């Protein structure tokens, strides 16, 4: 088998602003304790209305200019404007035409194999609106007080140009790509969230302090009680270049840029971060003290 070199020049550049927008978009969802309930509620709703073979899953997330995204819409497109309780903030849910007619056919008692590429009639739009309202209701009912943003259906629009009247051309959007289908037939739903709405959000980057959030996290852990992992403490961190790392020798003294421990009365004191595995999935803070030659960690948050 031949091996081809990666062309690094063709890799898409991701700015820190785009990463921030994606983090903020993800934080719109309710706490970890409610996410599993939401997913289950939506799956039950799909199976109830579209049959036992109905499914959906998140296929990807991307940040990009609004104009680039909506320019790819077909001439006869179906998009739902979803309002929020955060001022003028809106979402646009672009529904694949084949999927729209698939859902409509199934709700009308068909076999779920009817496809067309034309504008929706008034009756068909009403049926699809009912389905979208069922999705929004499932999200609201399963998250309840954990819902950070309340969503509501506003109206349909049917061209990319009309969407750009909602989102200015210079606006950036974060797009969630969902795959939805029935059995062998599937289509996509692309949910675009405007960056101006995300800029108003204060959820991204917050520490996990809510008890329900922690309950959901530990509930997930309890299901894998038979898996053992390592627990370790991070005392500090700094950034080195590959050259600096290569030049390190025995006896070198390293000063951490970020360090939470210090000497107090000739004893170690301060704070460390307790991590598990490779430490990629967060941490908990722990106060560190020295007593009788031993270091002790007390979890503080």
C-alpha atoms as a PDB file:
ATOM      1  CA  UNK A   1       0.000   0.000   0.000  1.00  0.00           C
ATOM      2  CA  UNK A   2       1.413   3.367  -1.015  1.00  0.00           C
ATOM      3  CA  UNK A   3       1.933   6.159   1.478  1.00  0.00           C
ATOM      4  CA  UNK A   4       1.138   9.758   0.587  1.00  0.00           C
ATOM      5  CA  UNK A   5       2.514  12.774   2.390  1.00  0.00           C
ATOM      6  CA  UNK A   6       0.031  15.142   4.032  1.00  0.00           C
ATOM      7  CA  UNK A   7      -0.229  18.521   2.349  1.00  0.00           C
ATOM      8  CA  UNK A   8      -0.184  20.808   5.376  1.00  0.00           C
ATOM      9  CA  UNK A   9      -0.884  23.824   3.173  1.00  0.00           C
ATOM     10  CA  UNK A  10      -4.382  22.497   2.427  1.00  0.00           C
ATOM     11  CA  UNK A  11      -5.426  22.157   6.066  1.00  0.00           C
ATOM     12  CA  UNK A  12      -8.201  24.496   7.072  1.00  0.00           C
ATOM     13  CA  UNK A  13      -7.131  27.281   9.406  1.00  0.00           C
ATOM     14  CA  UNK A  14      -9.175  27.618  12.595  1.00  0.00           C
ATOM     15  CA  UNK A  15      -8.937  30.920  14.438  1.00  0.00           C
ATOM     16  CA  UNK A  16      -9.127  31.337  18.194  1.00  0.00           C
ATOM     17  CA  UNK A  17     -12.332  33.344  17.633  1.00  0.00           C
ATOM     18  CA  UNK A  18     -13.923  30.382  15.823  1.00  0.00           C
ATOM     19  CA  UNK A  19     -12.929  28.074  18.684  1.00  0.00           C
ATOM     20  CA  UNK A  20     -14.502  30.519  21.142  1.00  0.00           C
ATOM     21  CA  UNK A  21     -17.732  30.631  19.121  1.00  0.00           C
ATOM     22  CA  UNK A  22     -17.919  26.830  19.014  1.00  0.00           C
ATOM     23  CA  UNK A  23     -17.334  26.603  22.775  1.00  0.00           C
ATOM     24  CA  UNK A  24     -20.093  29.171  23.343  1.00  0.00           C
ATOM     25  CA  UNK A  25     -22.450  27.280  21.013  1.00  0.00           C
ATOM     26  CA  UNK A  26     -21.863  24.031  22.878  1.00  0.00           C
ATOM     27  CA  UNK A  27     -22.552  25.802  26.166  1.00  0.00           C
ATOM     28  CA  UNK A  28     -26.072  26.663  24.959  1.00  0.00           C
ATOM     29  CA  UNK A  29     -27.041  23.090  25.690  1.00  0.00           C
ATOM     30  CA  UNK A  30     -28.299  22.193  29.171  1.00  0.00           C
ATOM     31  CA  UNK A  31     -26.098  20.648  31.824  1.00  0.00           C
ATOM     32  CA  UNK A  32     -24.590  17.185  31.529  1.00  0.00           C
ATOM     33  CA  UNK A  33     -27.322  15.821  33.771  1.00  0.00           C
ATOM     34  CA  UNK A  34     -29.978  16.823  31.223  1.00  0.00           C
ATOM     35  CA  UNK A  35     -28.200  16.077  27.926  1.00  0.00           C
ATOM     36  CA  UNK A  36     -28.830  12.341  28.089  1.00  0.00           C
ATOM     37  CA  UNK A  37     -32.503  12.964  28.853  1.00  0.00           C
ATOM     38  CA  UNK A  38     -32.776  15.322  25.865  1.00  0.00           C
ATOM     39  CA  UNK A  39     -31.181  12.842  23.484  1.00  0.00           C
ATOM     40  CA  UNK A  40     -33.480  10.069  24.688  1.00  0.00           C
ATOM     41  CA  UNK A  41     -36.563  12.317  24.467  1.00  0.00           C
ATOM     42  CA  UNK A  42     -35.800  13.302  20.869  1.00  0.00           C
ATOM     43  CA  UNK A  43     -35.201   9.678  19.860  1.00  0.00           C
ATOM     44  CA  UNK A  44     -38.518   8.638  21.421  1.00  0.00           C
ATOM     45  CA  UNK A  45     -40.302  11.479  19.615  1.00  0.00           C
ATOM     46  CA  UNK A  46     -38.759  10.475  16.268  1.00  0.00           C
ATOM     47  CA  UNK A  47     -39.733   6.834  16.748  1.00  0.00           C
ATOM     48  CA  UNK A  48     -43.268   7.820  17.762  1.00  0.00           C
ATOM     49  CA  UNK A  49     -43.897   9.949  14.670  1.00  0.00           C
ATOM     50  CA  UNK A  50     -41.572   8.385  12.065  1.00  0.00           C
ATOM     51  CA  UNK A  51     -41.391   4.732  13.133  1.00  0.00           C
ATOM     52  CA  UNK A  52     -38.954   2.507  14.992  1.00  0.00           C
ATOM     53  CA  UNK A  53     -36.275   2.847  12.285  1.00  0.00           C
ATOM     54  CA  UNK A  54     -35.973   6.621  12.780  1.00  0.00           C
ATOM     55  CA  UNK A  55     -32.589   7.909  13.935  1.00  0.00           C
ATOM     56  CA  UNK A  56     -30.457  11.023  14.291  1.00  0.00           C
ATOM     57  CA  UNK A  57     -26.898  11.878  15.274  1.00  0.00           C
ATOM     58  CA  UNK A  58     -24.538  14.852  15.327  1.00  0.00           C
ATOM     59  CA  UNK A  59     -22.175  14.574  12.354  1.00  0.00           C
ATOM     60  CA  UNK A  60     -19.997  17.653  12.907  1.00  0.00           C
ATOM     61  CA  UNK A  61     -19.619  21.248  14.103  1.00  0.00           C
ATOM     62  CA  UNK A  62     -18.001  24.084  12.146  1.00  0.00           C
ATOM     63  CA  UNK A  63     -17.572  27.870  12.376  1.00  0.00           C
ATOM     64  CA  UNK A  64     -17.657  29.816   9.105  1.00  0.00           C
ATOM     65  CA  UNK A  65     -18.935  33.073   7.491  1.00  0.00           C
ATOM     66  CA  UNK A  66     -22.710  33.192   7.077  1.00  0.00           C
ATOM     67  CA  UNK A  67     -22.424  34.070   3.397  1.00  0.00           C
ATOM     68  CA  UNK A  68     -20.298  30.988   2.666  1.00  0.00           C
ATOM     69  CA  UNK A  69     -22.789  28.694   4.362  1.00  0.00           C
ATOM     70  CA  UNK A  70     -26.027  30.022   2.902  1.00  0.00           C
ATOM     71  CA  UNK A  71     -24.586  30.371  -0.610  1.00  0.00           C
ATOM     72  CA  UNK A  72     -24.636  26.564  -0.832  1.00  0.00           C
ATOM     73  CA  UNK A  73     -28.401  26.357  -0.331  1.00  0.00           C
ATOM     74  CA  UNK A  74     -30.399  25.072  -3.327  1.00  0.00           C
ATOM     75  CA  UNK A  75     -32.943  27.286  -5.073  1.00  0.00           C
ATOM     76  CA  UNK A  76     -35.821  25.460  -3.389  1.00  0.00           C
ATOM     77  CA  UNK A  77     -34.634  25.187   0.199  1.00  0.00           C
ATOM     78  CA  UNK A  78     -36.468  24.745   3.487  1.00  0.00           C
ATOM     79  CA  UNK A  79     -35.214  26.656   6.522  1.00  0.00           C
ATOM     80  CA  UNK A  80     -36.876  27.332   9.859  1.00  0.00           C
ATOM     81  CA  UNK A  81     -36.132  30.505  11.816  1.00  0.00           C
ATOM     82  CA  UNK A  82     -35.859  29.600  15.508  1.00  0.00           C
ATOM     83  CA  UNK A  83     -36.039  32.491  17.957  1.00  0.00           C
ATOM     84  CA  UNK A  84     -34.670  32.543  21.503  1.00  0.00           C
ATOM     85  CA  UNK A  85     -35.336  34.348  24.740  1.00  0.00           C
ATOM     86  CA  UNK A  86     -31.967  36.138  24.365  1.00  0.00           C
ATOM     87  CA  UNK A  87     -33.110  39.345  22.688  1.00  0.00           C
ATOM     88  CA  UNK A  88     -32.842  39.262  18.899  1.00  0.00           C
ATOM     89  CA  UNK A  89     -30.756  36.094  18.832  1.00  0.00           C
ATOM     90  CA  UNK A  90     -31.857  33.563  16.200  1.00  0.00           C
ATOM     91  CA  UNK A  91     -30.989  30.151  14.833  1.00  0.00           C
ATOM     92  CA  UNK A  92     -31.603  28.903  11.313  1.00  0.00           C
ATOM     93  CA  UNK A  93     -32.370  25.205  10.798  1.00  0.00           C
ATOM     94  CA  UNK A  94     -31.782  24.290   7.140  1.00  0.00           C
ATOM     95  CA  UNK A  95     -33.592  21.036   6.332  1.00  0.00           C
ATOM     96  CA  UNK A  96     -32.623  18.900   3.360  1.00  0.00           C
ATOM     97  CA  UNK A  97     -35.506  18.899   0.850  1.00  0.00           C
ATOM     98  CA  UNK A  98     -35.526  15.098   0.616  1.00  0.00           C
ATOM     99  CA  UNK A  99     -35.695  14.845   4.406  1.00  0.00           C
ATOM    100  CA  UNK A 100     -38.502  17.425   4.585  1.00  0.00           C
ATOM    101  CA  UNK A 101     -40.688  15.438   2.169  1.00  0.00           C
ATOM    102  CA  UNK A 102     -39.651  12.168   3.833  1.00  0.00           C
ATOM    103  CA  UNK A 103     -40.928  13.441   7.198  1.00  0.00           C
ATOM    104  CA  UNK A 104     -44.111  14.920   5.693  1.00  0.00           C
ATOM    105  CA  UNK A 105     -44.905  11.677   3.844  1.00  0.00           C
ATOM    106  CA  UNK A 106     -44.382   9.611   6.982  1.00  0.00           C
ATOM    107  CA  UNK A 107     -46.550  11.909   9.122  1.00  0.00           C
ATOM    108  CA  UNK A 108     -49.331  11.624   6.537  1.00  0.00           C
ATOM    109  CA  UNK A 109     -49.241   7.833   6.821  1.00  0.00           C
ATOM    110  CA  UNK A 110     -46.993   7.085   3.867  1.00  0.00           C
ATOM    111  CA  UNK A 111     -44.090   4.693   3.726  1.00  0.00           C
ATOM    112  CA  UNK A 112     -41.438   7.375   4.168  1.00  0.00           C
ATOM    113  CA  UNK A 113     -40.015   7.017   0.660  1.00  0.00           C
ATOM    114  CA  UNK A 114     -41.511  10.062  -1.078  1.00  0.00           C
ATOM    115  CA  UNK A 115     -38.975  12.620  -2.354  1.00  0.00           C
ATOM    116  CA  UNK A 116     -39.391  15.848  -4.320  1.00  0.00           C
ATOM    117  CA  UNK A 117     -37.479  19.046  -4.990  1.00  0.00           C
ATOM    118  CA  UNK A 118     -40.020  21.848  -5.074  1.00  0.00           C
ATOM    119  CA  UNK A 119     -41.401  24.526  -2.747  1.00  0.00           C
ATOM    120  CA  UNK A 120     -43.606  23.289   0.084  1.00  0.00           C
ATOM    121  CA  UNK A 121     -47.334  23.838  -0.158  1.00  0.00           C
ATOM    122  CA  UNK A 122     -49.082  25.643   2.690  1.00  0.00           C
ATOM    123  CA  UNK A 123     -50.401  22.333   4.035  1.00  0.00           C
ATOM    124  CA  UNK A 124     -46.983  20.657   3.819  1.00  0.00           C
ATOM    125  CA  UNK A 125     -45.352  23.611   5.599  1.00  0.00           C
ATOM    126  CA  UNK A 126     -47.923  23.269   8.393  1.00  0.00           C
ATOM    127  CA  UNK A 127     -47.150  19.562   8.802  1.00  0.00           C
ATOM    128  CA  UNK A 128     -43.395  20.211   8.928  1.00  0.00           C
ATOM    129  CA  UNK A 129     -43.945  23.043  11.431  1.00  0.00           C
ATOM    130  CA  UNK A 130     -45.836  20.614  13.673  1.00  0.00           C
ATOM    131  CA  UNK A 131     -42.867  18.231  13.550  1.00  0.00           C
ATOM    132  CA  UNK A 132     -40.370  20.998  14.448  1.00  0.00           C
ATOM    133  CA  UNK A 133     -42.578  22.072  17.353  1.00  0.00           C
ATOM    134  CA  UNK A 134     -42.522  18.482  18.619  1.00  0.00           C
ATOM    135  CA  UNK A 135     -38.710  18.543  18.596  1.00  0.00           C
ATOM    136  CA  UNK A 136     -38.572  21.866  20.468  1.00  0.00           C
ATOM    137  CA  UNK A 137     -41.146  20.618  22.970  1.00  0.00           C
ATOM    138  CA  UNK A 138     -39.087  17.465  23.587  1.00  0.00           C
ATOM    139  CA  UNK A 139     -36.022  19.610  24.325  1.00  0.00           C
ATOM    140  CA  UNK A 140     -37.960  21.884  26.678  1.00  0.00           C
ATOM    141  CA  UNK A 141     -39.789  19.074  28.519  1.00  0.00           C
ATOM    142  CA  UNK A 142     -36.674  16.988  29.099  1.00  0.00           C
ATOM    143  CA  UNK A 143     -34.424  19.882  30.194  1.00  0.00           C
ATOM    144  CA  UNK A 144     -36.981  21.973  32.142  1.00  0.00           C
ATOM    145  CA  UNK A 145     -35.174  24.305  34.553  1.00  0.00           C
ATOM    146  CA  UNK A 146     -31.787  23.219  33.156  1.00  0.00           C
ATOM    147  CA  UNK A 147     -32.545  24.847  29.797  1.00  0.00           C
ATOM    148  CA  UNK A 148     -30.167  27.807  29.437  1.00  0.00           C
ATOM    149  CA  UNK A 149     -31.879  29.194  26.326  1.00  0.00           C
ATOM    150  CA  UNK A 150     -35.553  28.826  25.420  1.00  0.00           C
ATOM    151  CA  UNK A 151     -36.191  28.143  21.718  1.00  0.00           C
ATOM    152  CA  UNK A 152     -39.349  28.975  19.743  1.00  0.00           C
ATOM    153  CA  UNK A 153     -40.407  28.480  16.127  1.00  0.00           C
ATOM    154  CA  UNK A 154     -40.918  31.751  14.227  1.00  0.00           C
ATOM    155  CA  UNK A 155     -41.390  31.071  10.508  1.00  0.00           C
ATOM    156  CA  UNK A 156     -40.160  29.292   7.395  1.00  0.00           C
ATOM    157  CA  UNK A 157     -38.003  30.845   4.695  1.00  0.00           C
ATOM    158  CA  UNK A 158     -37.223  29.169   1.397  1.00  0.00           C
ATOM    159  CA  UNK A 159     -34.121  30.763  -0.166  1.00  0.00           C
ATOM    160  CA  UNK A 160     -30.565  31.475   0.927  1.00  0.00           C
ATOM    161  CA  UNK A 161     -31.055  35.162   0.098  1.00  0.00           C
ATOM    162  CA  UNK A 162     -33.921  35.363   2.598  1.00  0.00           C
ATOM    163  CA  UNK A 163     -31.693  33.774   5.230  1.00  0.00           C
ATOM    164  CA  UNK A 164     -29.032  36.426   4.673  1.00  0.00           C
ATOM    165  CA  UNK A 165     -31.659  39.017   5.512  1.00  0.00           C
ATOM    166  CA  UNK A 166     -31.753  37.420   8.956  1.00  0.00           C
ATOM    167  CA  UNK A 167     -27.976  36.973   9.256  1.00  0.00           C
ATOM    168  CA  UNK A 168     -25.847  39.832   7.847  1.00  0.00           C
ATOM    169  CA  UNK A 169     -23.226  38.777   5.272  1.00  0.00           C
ATOM    170  CA  UNK A 170     -20.389  39.743   7.599  1.00  0.00           C
ATOM    171  CA  UNK A 171     -21.826  37.597  10.392  1.00  0.00           C
ATOM    172  CA  UNK A 172     -20.062  34.415  11.446  1.00  0.00           C
ATOM    173  CA  UNK A 173     -22.092  31.331  12.298  1.00  0.00           C
ATOM    174  CA  UNK A 174     -21.489  28.057  14.113  1.00  0.00           C
ATOM    175  CA  UNK A 175     -23.146  25.191  12.237  1.00  0.00           C
ATOM    176  CA  UNK A 176     -24.227  21.870  13.759  1.00  0.00           C
ATOM    177  CA  UNK A 177     -24.591  19.138  11.118  1.00  0.00           C
ATOM    178  CA  UNK A 178     -27.183  16.506  12.069  1.00  0.00           C
ATOM    179  CA  UNK A 179     -27.972  13.339  10.137  1.00  0.00           C
ATOM    180  CA  UNK A 180     -31.645  12.353  10.372  1.00  0.00           C
ATOM    181  CA  UNK A 181     -33.370   9.464   8.680  1.00  0.00           C
ATOM    182  CA  UNK A 182     -35.669   6.484   8.563  1.00  0.00           C
ATOM    183  CA  UNK A 183     -34.046   3.150   7.854  1.00  0.00           C
ATOM    184  CA  UNK A 184     -31.997   3.416   4.647  1.00  0.00           C
ATOM    185  CA  UNK A 185     -33.312   6.893   3.790  1.00  0.00           C
ATOM    186  CA  UNK A 186     -31.612   9.891   5.415  1.00  0.00           C
ATOM    187  CA  UNK A 187     -30.978  13.600   5.006  1.00  0.00           C
ATOM    188  CA  UNK A 188     -29.375  16.421   6.932  1.00  0.00           C
ATOM    189  CA  UNK A 189     -30.409  19.249   9.209  1.00  0.00           C
ATOM    190  CA  UNK A 190     -27.913  22.097   9.521  1.00  0.00           C
ATOM    191  CA  UNK A 191     -28.498  24.371  12.507  1.00  0.00           C
ATOM    192  CA  UNK A 192     -26.661  27.690  12.199  1.00  0.00           C
ATOM    193  CA  UNK A 193     -26.232  29.947  15.241  1.00  0.00           C
ATOM    194  CA  UNK A 194     -25.181  33.564  14.704  1.00  0.00           C
ATOM    195  CA  UNK A 195     -22.016  34.750  16.425  1.00  0.00           C
ATOM    196  CA  UNK A 196     -23.726  37.895  17.748  1.00  0.00           C
ATOM    197  CA  UNK A 197     -26.002  35.641  19.811  1.00  0.00           C
ATOM    198  CA  UNK A 198     -23.031  33.612  21.028  1.00  0.00           C
ATOM    199  CA  UNK A 199     -21.270  36.826  22.019  1.00  0.00           C
ATOM    200  CA  UNK A 200     -24.075  37.475  24.501  1.00  0.00           C
ATOM    201  CA  UNK A 201     -23.658  34.087  26.118  1.00  0.00           C
ATOM    202  CA  UNK A 202     -21.713  33.925  29.380  1.00  0.00           C
ATOM    203  CA  UNK A 203     -21.732  30.149  29.761  1.00  0.00           C
ATOM    204  CA  UNK A 204     -18.591  29.157  27.870  1.00  0.00           C
ATOM    205  CA  UNK A 205     -15.531  28.604  30.020  1.00  0.00           C
ATOM    206  CA  UNK A 206     -17.383  28.581  33.327  1.00  0.00           C
ATOM    207  CA  UNK A 207     -16.338  26.066  35.965  1.00  0.00           C
ATOM    208  CA  UNK A 208     -18.669  23.201  36.720  1.00  0.00           C
ATOM    209  CA  UNK A 209     -20.319  24.319  39.932  1.00  0.00           C
ATOM    210  CA  UNK A 210     -23.938  23.270  39.518  1.00  0.00           C
ATOM    211  CA  UNK A 211     -24.817  20.206  41.609  1.00  0.00           C
ATOM    212  CA  UNK A 212     -26.936  18.716  38.828  1.00  0.00           C
ATOM    213  CA  UNK A 213     -24.006  19.041  36.436  1.00  0.00           C
ATOM    214  CA  UNK A 214     -21.818  17.101  38.859  1.00  0.00           C
ATOM    215  CA  UNK A 215     -24.567  14.549  39.487  1.00  0.00           C
ATOM    216  CA  UNK A 216     -24.791  13.881  35.761  1.00  0.00           C
ATOM    217  CA  UNK A 217     -21.020  13.559  35.494  1.00  0.00           C
ATOM    218  CA  UNK A 218     -20.712  11.103  38.371  1.00  0.00           C
ATOM    219  CA  UNK A 219     -23.734   9.164  37.108  1.00  0.00           C
ATOM    220  CA  UNK A 220     -21.850   8.593  33.861  1.00  0.00           C
ATOM    221  CA  UNK A 221     -18.786   7.476  35.816  1.00  0.00           C
ATOM    222  CA  UNK A 222     -20.809   5.013  37.888  1.00  0.00           C
ATOM    223  CA  UNK A 223     -21.756   3.065  34.758  1.00  0.00           C
ATOM    224  CA  UNK A 224     -18.090   2.253  34.151  1.00  0.00           C
ATOM    225  CA  UNK A 225     -17.152   1.292  37.718  1.00  0.00           C
ATOM    226  CA  UNK A 226     -15.166  -1.741  36.520  1.00  0.00           C
ATOM    227  CA  UNK A 227     -12.638   0.393  34.594  1.00  0.00           C
ATOM    228  CA  UNK A 228      -9.538   1.419  36.544  1.00  0.00           C
ATOM    229  CA  UNK A 229      -7.564   4.557  35.804  1.00  0.00           C
ATOM    230  CA  UNK A 230      -4.676   6.585  37.211  1.00  0.00           C
ATOM    231  CA  UNK A 231      -5.130   9.693  39.370  1.00  0.00           C
ATOM    232  CA  UNK A 232      -2.333  12.248  39.406  1.00  0.00           C
ATOM    233  CA  UNK A 233      -1.668  15.794  40.562  1.00  0.00           C
ATOM    234  CA  UNK A 234      -0.478  18.594  38.289  1.00  0.00           C
ATOM    235  CA  UNK A 235       1.667  21.047  40.232  1.00  0.00           C
ATOM    236  CA  UNK A 236       2.387  23.518  37.440  1.00  0.00           C
ATOM    237  CA  UNK A 237       2.838  24.030  33.718  1.00  0.00           C
ATOM    238  CA  UNK A 238       4.941  25.928  31.200  1.00  0.00           C
ATOM    239  CA  UNK A 239       5.466  25.961  27.449  1.00  0.00           C
ATOM    240  CA  UNK A 240       8.750  24.856  25.861  1.00  0.00           C
ATOM    241  CA  UNK A 241       9.891  24.773  22.260  1.00  0.00           C
ATOM    242  CA  UNK A 242      11.178  21.490  20.863  1.00  0.00           C
ATOM    243  CA  UNK A 243      14.697  22.953  20.889  1.00  0.00           C
ATOM    244  CA  UNK A 244      14.441  23.972  24.562  1.00  0.00           C
ATOM    245  CA  UNK A 245      13.106  20.550  25.462  1.00  0.00           C
ATOM    246  CA  UNK A 246      15.978  18.849  23.660  1.00  0.00           C
ATOM    247  CA  UNK A 247      18.570  20.985  25.480  1.00  0.00           C
ATOM    248  CA  UNK A 248      17.352  20.077  28.993  1.00  0.00           C
ATOM    249  CA  UNK A 249      19.979  18.324  31.109  1.00  0.00           C
ATOM    250  CA  UNK A 250      20.270  16.779  34.564  1.00  0.00           C
ATOM    251  CA  UNK A 251      20.386  19.464  37.247  1.00  0.00           C
ATOM    252  CA  UNK A 252      18.516  22.145  35.252  1.00  0.00           C
ATOM    253  CA  UNK A 253      16.083  24.231  37.296  1.00  0.00           C
ATOM    254  CA  UNK A 254      12.657  24.815  35.735  1.00  0.00           C
ATOM    255  CA  UNK A 255      10.356  27.633  36.844  1.00  0.00           C
ATOM    256  CA  UNK A 256       6.696  26.989  36.046  1.00  0.00           C
ATOM    257  CA  UNK A 257       4.765  29.882  34.464  1.00  0.00           C
ATOM    258  CA  UNK A 258       1.564  28.554  36.051  1.00  0.00           C
ATOM    259  CA  UNK A 259       2.069  27.133  39.532  1.00  0.00           C
ATOM    260  CA  UNK A 260      -0.263  26.849  42.499  1.00  0.00           C
ATOM    261  CA  UNK A 261       2.104  25.522  45.152  1.00  0.00           C
ATOM    262  CA  UNK A 262       4.629  27.346  47.325  1.00  0.00           C
ATOM    263  CA  UNK A 263       6.616  26.997  50.559  1.00  0.00           C
ATOM    264  CA  UNK A 264       5.002  28.179  53.773  1.00  0.00           C
ATOM    265  CA  UNK A 265       7.015  27.859  56.980  1.00  0.00           C
ATOM    266  CA  UNK A 266       9.367  25.540  55.065  1.00  0.00           C
ATOM    267  CA  UNK A 267       6.442  23.263  54.148  1.00  0.00           C
ATOM    268  CA  UNK A 268       4.692  22.715  50.830  1.00  0.00           C
ATOM    269  CA  UNK A 269       1.331  24.501  50.626  1.00  0.00           C
ATOM    270  CA  UNK A 270      -1.069  25.729  47.971  1.00  0.00           C
ATOM    271  CA  UNK A 271      -3.200  24.032  45.332  1.00  0.00           C
ATOM    272  CA  UNK A 272      -2.815  21.351  42.650  1.00  0.00           C
ATOM    273  CA  UNK A 273      -5.070  20.006  39.913  1.00  0.00           C
ATOM    274  CA  UNK A 274      -6.124  16.365  40.197  1.00  0.00           C
ATOM    275  CA  UNK A 275      -6.486  14.652  36.826  1.00  0.00           C
ATOM    276  CA  UNK A 276      -7.248  11.148  35.572  1.00  0.00           C
ATOM    277  CA  UNK A 277      -5.907   9.219  32.596  1.00  0.00           C
ATOM    278  CA  UNK A 278      -4.073  11.554  30.260  1.00  0.00           C
ATOM    279  CA  UNK A 279      -5.702  14.611  31.845  1.00  0.00           C
ATOM    280  CA  UNK A 280      -7.555  15.738  28.729  1.00  0.00           C
ATOM    281  CA  UNK A 281     -11.046  15.824  30.239  1.00  0.00           C
ATOM    282  CA  UNK A 282     -10.865  18.430  32.966  1.00  0.00           C
ATOM    283  CA  UNK A 283      -9.700  18.442  36.553  1.00  0.00           C
ATOM    284  CA  UNK A 284     -10.717  19.083  40.139  1.00  0.00           C
ATOM    285  CA  UNK A 285      -8.848  21.443  42.443  1.00  0.00           C
ATOM    286  CA  UNK A 286      -7.217  20.143  45.611  1.00  0.00           C
ATOM    287  CA  UNK A 287      -5.534  21.932  48.491  1.00  0.00           C
ATOM    288  CA  UNK A 288      -2.125  20.450  49.208  1.00  0.00           C
ATOM    289  CA  UNK A 289      -0.485  20.388  52.637  1.00  0.00           C
ATOM    290  CA  UNK A 290       2.608  18.733  54.080  1.00  0.00           C
ATOM    291  CA  UNK A 291       2.365  16.827  57.325  1.00  0.00           C
ATOM    292  CA  UNK A 292       4.948  14.528  58.885  1.00  0.00           C
ATOM    293  CA  UNK A 293       6.869  14.278  55.644  1.00  0.00           C
ATOM    294  CA  UNK A 294       3.774  13.332  53.614  1.00  0.00           C
ATOM    295  CA  UNK A 295       1.875  15.450  51.090  1.00  0.00           C
ATOM    296  CA  UNK A 296      -1.907  15.400  51.433  1.00  0.00           C
ATOM    297  CA  UNK A 297      -4.505  16.558  48.886  1.00  0.00           C
ATOM    298  CA  UNK A 298      -7.940  17.752  49.967  1.00  0.00           C
ATOM    299  CA  UNK A 299     -10.438  18.239  47.139  1.00  0.00           C
ATOM    300  CA  UNK A 300     -11.692  21.810  47.177  1.00  0.00           C
ATOM    301  CA  UNK A 301     -13.726  22.087  43.942  1.00  0.00           C
END
